[in-house]
Protein backbone atom coordinates (compact mmCIF):
# COMPACT_ATOMS: atom_id res chain seq x y z
CA MET A 1 -7.06 6.68 -3.55
CA LYS A 2 -8.87 6.92 -6.92
CA ASP A 3 -11.55 9.80 -7.56
CA SER A 4 -13.28 9.72 -10.39
CA ASN A 5 -10.63 10.77 -13.10
CA ASP A 6 -8.15 11.64 -10.25
CA THR A 7 -5.71 9.80 -8.07
CA LYS A 8 -4.31 11.04 -4.97
CA ILE A 9 -1.71 9.80 -3.14
CA PHE A 10 -1.50 10.56 0.80
CA ILE A 11 1.96 10.17 2.26
CA ASN A 12 2.65 10.03 6.34
CA THR A 13 5.10 13.14 7.00
CA LEU A 14 5.78 11.05 10.40
CA GLN A 15 7.28 8.34 8.73
CA PRO A 16 11.21 8.46 8.22
CA GLU A 17 11.96 9.78 4.51
CA TRP A 18 13.28 6.47 2.93
CA GLN A 19 9.79 5.04 3.67
CA GLN A 20 8.07 8.24 2.65
CA LEU A 21 9.70 7.59 -0.91
CA HIS A 22 9.37 4.08 -0.89
CA THR A 23 5.54 4.86 -0.01
CA ILE A 24 5.39 7.26 -3.18
CA VAL A 25 6.68 4.74 -5.65
CA HIS A 26 4.73 1.98 -4.46
CA GLU A 27 1.71 4.51 -4.67
CA SER A 28 2.49 5.81 -7.96
CA ALA A 29 3.09 2.27 -9.58
CA HIS A 30 -0.58 1.88 -8.79
CA ALA A 31 -1.55 5.08 -10.42
CA ASP A 32 0.70 4.37 -13.49
CA PHE A 33 0.32 1.29 -14.26
CA ASP A 34 -3.97 1.41 -13.20
CA VAL A 35 -3.52 -1.24 -10.80
CA PHE A 36 -5.94 -1.05 -8.31
CA GLY A 37 -7.31 -3.35 -5.94
CA ASP A 38 -11.21 -3.44 -4.51
CA ASP A 39 -12.62 -3.01 -1.28
CA LYS A 40 -12.11 -6.37 -0.45
CA ARG A 41 -8.61 -6.67 1.60
CA HIS A 42 -7.51 -10.36 0.82
CA SER A 43 -9.20 -10.75 -2.64
CA MET A 44 -7.31 -11.79 -5.89
CA LYS A 45 -7.51 -8.59 -7.44
CA THR A 46 -6.36 -6.57 -4.23
CA LEU A 47 -3.60 -9.01 -3.93
CA LEU A 48 -2.20 -9.20 -7.26
CA ALA A 49 -2.38 -5.18 -7.40
CA GLU A 50 -0.34 -4.80 -4.15
CA LYS A 51 2.30 -7.86 -5.57
CA GLN A 52 2.90 -5.50 -8.69
CA ALA A 53 3.32 -2.13 -6.63
CA GLU A 54 5.54 -3.72 -4.41
CA TYR A 55 7.58 -5.19 -7.25
CA VAL A 56 8.05 -1.85 -8.89
CA ALA A 57 8.70 -0.13 -5.30
CA ASN A 58 11.32 -2.96 -4.61
CA HIS A 59 13.00 -2.50 -8.05
CA PHE A 60 14.73 0.80 -6.63
CA GLN A 61 15.92 -0.65 -3.36
CA ILE A 62 14.73 2.40 -1.60
CA LYS A 63 16.51 1.49 1.97
CA LYS A 64 16.81 3.00 5.28
CA ALA A 65 20.33 4.82 5.13
CA ARG A 66 23.08 3.37 7.23
CA THR A 67 24.08 5.43 10.55
CA TYR A 68 27.84 5.60 11.38
CA ILE A 69 28.89 6.26 14.70
CA ILE A 70 32.50 7.81 14.45
């Protein structure tokens, strides 16, 4: 959420840790690169901002940890 000169990132702590990390990187990309959409969910500006933030988040390949049963 961008509020005046501040940007606030909210994380759902009920999600698994790997998903929280992905969200932090994704939302930080919006803030760091100043790529924010507008109020219209499917506008070109919003779609481009989401694509760019997701590209940055996917670069780090944060994935669900594998569970091994021994």
